[in-house]
Amino acid sequence: MTLKKAVAGKEYIIREIETEDEELNAFLFSLGCYSGETITVIAHLQGGCVVSIKDGRYNIDNQLAEAIIV
C-alpha cells in the first residue's frame, strides 16, 4: 500500500521507496525516510499529506506519497 492510501493517525513501517530518481531518493533519505523506518500520516491534504518521521513533521506531495510503500 502506498502512503497516499494510508490511514491518518496510524504508524507504519516503510517497506520500500519506489523511485528511480536518485536525487529524490537522497532527499527522502536525508529526512529519515528509508526502508525499515517508522512513519505516521498526520493528515491527508488535497495536494499530499503531512507525515511524521522521527522527530520531524513534513508536508509531502502526492507524487512522493505514491513512491513510499508501507
Protein backbone atom coordinates (compact mmCIF):
# COMPACT_ATOMS: atom_id res chain seq x y z
CA MET A 1 0.00 0.00 0.00
CA THR A 2 1.24 3.48 -0.76
CA LEU A 3 1.44 6.24 1.81
CA LYS A 4 -1.30 8.11 -0.05
CA LYS A 5 -3.77 5.36 0.89
CA ALA A 6 -2.56 5.01 4.50
CA VAL A 7 -4.90 5.77 7.40
CA ALA A 8 -4.23 9.05 9.19
CA GLY A 9 -3.03 8.63 12.77
CA LYS A 10 -1.65 5.13 12.27
CA GLU A 11 2.06 4.27 12.44
CA TYR A 12 3.55 2.30 9.55
CA ILE A 13 6.93 0.83 8.70
CA ILE A 14 8.36 1.83 5.34
CA ARG A 15 8.89 -1.27 3.20
CA GLU A 16 10.49 0.43 0.21
CA ILE A 17 10.81 3.61 -1.80
CA GLU A 18 9.73 3.11 -5.43
CA THR A 19 11.66 5.67 -7.43
CA GLU A 20 14.45 5.60 -9.96
CA ASP A 21 15.29 9.25 -9.28
CA GLU A 22 18.48 9.20 -7.20
CA GLU A 23 18.06 12.85 -6.19
CA LEU A 24 14.59 12.14 -4.81
CA ASN A 25 15.88 9.05 -3.04
CA ALA A 26 18.69 11.07 -1.45
CA PHE A 27 16.24 13.77 -0.36
CA LEU A 28 13.94 11.25 1.32
CA PHE A 29 16.93 9.61 3.00
CA SER A 30 18.01 12.99 4.39
CA LEU A 31 14.55 13.29 6.01
CA GLY A 32 14.96 9.86 7.59
CA CYS A 33 12.56 8.23 5.15
CA TYR A 34 14.03 4.84 4.18
CA SER A 35 13.19 1.13 4.43
CA GLY A 36 12.63 -0.08 7.96
CA GLU A 37 11.89 3.37 9.41
CA THR A 38 8.53 4.16 11.02
CA ILE A 39 6.31 6.84 9.53
CA THR A 40 2.97 8.25 10.69
CA VAL A 41 0.44 10.04 8.48
CA ILE A 42 -0.79 13.04 10.47
CA ALA A 43 -3.33 14.25 7.90
CA HIS A 44 -4.27 13.91 4.25
CA LEU A 45 -4.46 17.12 2.24
CA GLN A 46 -5.72 17.72 -1.28
CA GLY A 47 -2.20 18.07 -2.69
CA GLY A 48 -0.50 15.47 -0.50
CA CYS A 49 -0.19 14.64 3.18
CA VAL A 50 1.52 15.63 6.42
CA VAL A 51 3.75 12.92 7.86
CA SER A 52 5.83 12.44 10.97
CA ILE A 53 9.25 10.83 10.54
CA LYS A 54 11.41 10.53 13.65
CA ASP A 55 11.07 13.93 15.40
CA GLY A 56 10.04 15.93 12.33
CA ARG A 57 6.80 16.74 10.53
CA TYR A 58 6.83 17.16 6.78
CA ASN A 59 4.32 18.05 4.10
CA ILE A 60 4.84 15.78 1.10
CA ASP A 61 3.06 15.94 -2.23
CA ASN A 62 1.07 13.14 -3.84
CA GLN A 63 3.97 12.08 -6.07
CA LEU A 64 6.16 11.40 -3.03
CA ALA A 65 3.30 9.75 -1.18
CA GLU A 66 2.82 7.34 -4.10
CA ALA A 67 6.54 6.44 -4.08
CA ILE A 68 6.59 5.43 -0.40
CA ILE A 69 5.39 1.85 0.13
CA VAL A 70 4.29 0.89 3.66
